[in-house]
N, C-alpha and C. Protein backbone atom coordinates (compact mmCIF):
# COMPACT_ATOMS: atom_id res chain seq x y z
N MET A 1 68.85 78.29 -10.60
CA MET A 1 67.90 79.09 -11.35
C MET A 1 66.48 78.72 -10.91
N PRO A 2 65.69 79.70 -10.53
CA PRO A 2 64.33 79.42 -10.07
C PRO A 2 63.42 78.92 -11.20
N PHE A 3 62.47 78.10 -10.83
CA PHE A 3 61.50 77.59 -11.79
C PHE A 3 60.36 78.59 -12.01
N LEU A 4 59.96 79.28 -10.93
CA LEU A 4 58.81 80.17 -11.00
C LEU A 4 59.24 81.61 -11.30
N ALA A 5 58.68 82.17 -12.35
CA ALA A 5 58.90 83.58 -12.67
C ALA A 5 58.13 84.43 -11.65
N GLU A 6 58.46 85.70 -11.55
CA GLU A 6 57.82 86.59 -10.57
C GLU A 6 56.30 86.62 -10.74
N ARG A 7 55.81 86.67 -11.96
CA ARG A 7 54.35 86.72 -12.16
C ARG A 7 53.70 85.40 -11.73
N ASP A 8 54.41 84.28 -11.91
CA ASP A 8 53.90 82.99 -11.45
C ASP A 8 53.86 82.94 -9.92
N GLN A 9 54.88 83.49 -9.29
CA GLN A 9 54.91 83.55 -7.83
C GLN A 9 53.73 84.36 -7.31
N GLN A 10 53.45 85.46 -7.95
CA GLN A 10 52.32 86.30 -7.54
C GLN A 10 51.00 85.55 -7.69
N ALA A 11 50.85 84.81 -8.78
CA ALA A 11 49.63 84.04 -9.00
C ALA A 11 49.47 82.94 -7.95
N VAL A 12 50.56 82.29 -7.60
CA VAL A 12 50.51 81.25 -6.58
C VAL A 12 50.18 81.86 -5.22
N ARG A 13 50.80 82.98 -4.88
CA ARG A 13 50.48 83.66 -3.62
C ARG A 13 49.00 84.01 -3.54
N LYS A 14 48.44 84.46 -4.66
CA LYS A 14 47.02 84.81 -4.70
C LYS A 14 46.16 83.58 -4.39
N GLU A 15 46.51 82.44 -4.96
CA GLU A 15 45.78 81.20 -4.69
C GLU A 15 45.94 80.79 -3.23
N PHE A 16 47.11 81.03 -2.66
CA PHE A 16 47.38 80.65 -1.27
C PHE A 16 46.54 81.46 -0.29
N GLU A 17 45.97 82.56 -0.71
CA GLU A 17 45.13 83.36 0.18
C GLU A 17 43.92 82.55 0.66
N ARG A 18 43.55 81.53 -0.09
CA ARG A 18 42.39 80.70 0.26
C ARG A 18 42.73 79.63 1.29
N ILE A 19 44.00 79.39 1.54
CA ILE A 19 44.42 78.36 2.49
C ILE A 19 44.04 78.79 3.90
N GLN A 20 43.44 77.88 4.64
CA GLN A 20 43.00 78.21 5.98
C GLN A 20 43.87 77.62 7.08
N GLY A 21 44.82 76.80 6.74
CA GLY A 21 45.68 76.20 7.75
C GLY A 21 46.98 75.73 7.14
N PRO A 22 47.80 75.07 7.93
CA PRO A 22 49.09 74.60 7.41
C PRO A 22 48.91 73.49 6.37
N VAL A 23 49.82 73.46 5.41
CA VAL A 23 49.80 72.46 4.34
C VAL A 23 51.20 71.88 4.23
N LYS A 24 51.28 70.56 4.18
CA LYS A 24 52.57 69.90 3.98
C LYS A 24 52.60 69.29 2.58
N LEU A 25 53.59 69.67 1.80
CA LEU A 25 53.81 69.07 0.49
C LEU A 25 54.77 67.90 0.69
N VAL A 26 54.33 66.71 0.35
CA VAL A 26 55.17 65.52 0.50
C VAL A 26 55.70 65.14 -0.88
N VAL A 27 57.02 65.12 -1.00
CA VAL A 27 57.68 64.81 -2.27
C VAL A 27 58.30 63.41 -2.16
N PHE A 28 57.88 62.53 -3.03
CA PHE A 28 58.45 61.19 -3.07
C PHE A 28 59.57 61.18 -4.10
N SER A 29 60.73 60.74 -3.69
CA SER A 29 61.92 60.85 -4.53
C SER A 29 62.64 59.52 -4.63
N GLN A 30 63.21 59.26 -5.78
CA GLN A 30 64.08 58.11 -5.98
C GLN A 30 65.29 58.60 -6.77
N GLU A 31 66.21 59.19 -6.07
CA GLU A 31 67.34 59.81 -6.75
C GLU A 31 68.19 58.82 -7.55
N LEU A 32 68.23 57.58 -7.11
CA LEU A 32 69.02 56.60 -7.85
C LEU A 32 68.40 56.27 -9.20
N VAL A 33 67.08 56.41 -9.32
CA VAL A 33 66.38 56.07 -10.56
C VAL A 33 66.27 57.29 -11.47
N ALA A 34 65.82 58.40 -10.92
CA ALA A 34 65.57 59.61 -11.72
C ALA A 34 66.17 60.81 -11.02
N GLY A 35 67.45 60.78 -10.76
CA GLY A 35 68.14 61.77 -9.96
C GLY A 35 67.84 63.22 -10.29
N GLU A 36 68.13 63.65 -11.49
CA GLU A 36 67.96 65.06 -11.85
C GLU A 36 66.49 65.47 -11.82
N LEU A 37 65.63 64.63 -12.32
CA LEU A 37 64.20 64.93 -12.32
C LEU A 37 63.68 65.07 -10.88
N CYS A 38 64.10 64.18 -10.01
CA CYS A 38 63.68 64.25 -8.60
C CYS A 38 64.22 65.51 -7.93
N GLN A 39 65.44 65.88 -8.24
CA GLN A 39 66.02 67.10 -7.67
C GLN A 39 65.25 68.33 -8.14
N GLN A 40 64.88 68.36 -9.41
CA GLN A 40 64.11 69.49 -9.94
C GLN A 40 62.73 69.57 -9.28
N ASN A 41 62.09 68.43 -9.10
CA ASN A 41 60.79 68.39 -8.46
C ASN A 41 60.89 68.91 -7.02
N GLU A 42 61.91 68.46 -6.30
CA GLU A 42 62.11 68.93 -4.93
C GLU A 42 62.36 70.43 -4.89
N GLN A 43 63.17 70.93 -5.79
CA GLN A 43 63.47 72.36 -5.84
C GLN A 43 62.19 73.17 -6.10
N LEU A 44 61.37 72.70 -7.03
CA LEU A 44 60.11 73.39 -7.33
C LEU A 44 59.20 73.43 -6.11
N MET A 45 59.08 72.31 -5.42
CA MET A 45 58.22 72.27 -4.23
C MET A 45 58.75 73.20 -3.13
N ARG A 46 60.07 73.28 -3.00
CA ARG A 46 60.65 74.19 -2.00
C ARG A 46 60.40 75.65 -2.38
N GLU A 47 60.46 75.95 -3.68
CA GLU A 47 60.15 77.32 -4.14
C GLU A 47 58.70 77.67 -3.82
N VAL A 48 57.80 76.75 -4.09
CA VAL A 48 56.38 76.98 -3.81
C VAL A 48 56.18 77.19 -2.31
N ALA A 49 56.79 76.34 -1.50
CA ALA A 49 56.64 76.44 -0.05
C ALA A 49 57.21 77.75 0.50
N ALA A 50 58.24 78.26 -0.13
CA ALA A 50 58.86 79.50 0.34
C ALA A 50 57.95 80.72 0.14
N LEU A 51 56.90 80.56 -0.63
CA LEU A 51 56.00 81.67 -0.91
C LEU A 51 55.02 81.95 0.23
N ASP A 52 54.90 81.01 1.17
CA ASP A 52 53.94 81.18 2.27
C ASP A 52 54.42 80.39 3.48
N ASP A 53 54.40 81.00 4.65
CA ASP A 53 54.89 80.35 5.87
C ASP A 53 54.05 79.16 6.29
N ARG A 54 52.85 79.05 5.78
CA ARG A 54 51.98 77.93 6.15
C ARG A 54 52.27 76.66 5.37
N ILE A 55 53.14 76.75 4.37
CA ILE A 55 53.46 75.61 3.52
C ILE A 55 54.81 75.04 3.94
N SER A 56 54.85 73.72 4.11
CA SER A 56 56.12 73.05 4.41
C SER A 56 56.32 71.91 3.42
N VAL A 57 57.56 71.42 3.36
CA VAL A 57 57.91 70.35 2.42
C VAL A 57 58.56 69.22 3.20
N GLU A 58 58.14 68.01 2.90
CA GLU A 58 58.79 66.81 3.44
C GLU A 58 59.20 65.97 2.24
N VAL A 59 60.48 65.59 2.20
CA VAL A 59 60.99 64.78 1.09
C VAL A 59 61.21 63.36 1.62
N LEU A 60 60.59 62.41 0.95
CA LEU A 60 60.76 61.01 1.28
C LEU A 60 61.56 60.37 0.15
N ASN A 61 62.75 59.91 0.47
CA ASN A 61 63.65 59.37 -0.54
C ASN A 61 63.76 57.87 -0.31
N ARG A 62 63.12 57.13 -1.18
CA ARG A 62 63.13 55.68 -1.06
C ARG A 62 64.35 55.11 -1.75
N ALA A 63 65.19 54.44 -1.00
CA ALA A 63 66.38 53.80 -1.56
C ALA A 63 65.98 52.46 -2.17
N ILE A 64 66.65 52.12 -3.24
CA ILE A 64 66.35 50.85 -3.93
C ILE A 64 67.19 49.76 -3.32
């Protein structure tokens, strides 16, 4: 199930019009500590990145 509703996606796309170059969203994750929360955060960042080709996501998962 997506986190962003259609109107939210449109609002984010509008804000992305101001971006002048590529942007990397770096997600720090600790699935062993906060598994579901980290998965939700990663999913949200991937949804945001999917709205514009200039946005990419890198997930860093630190093992304990």
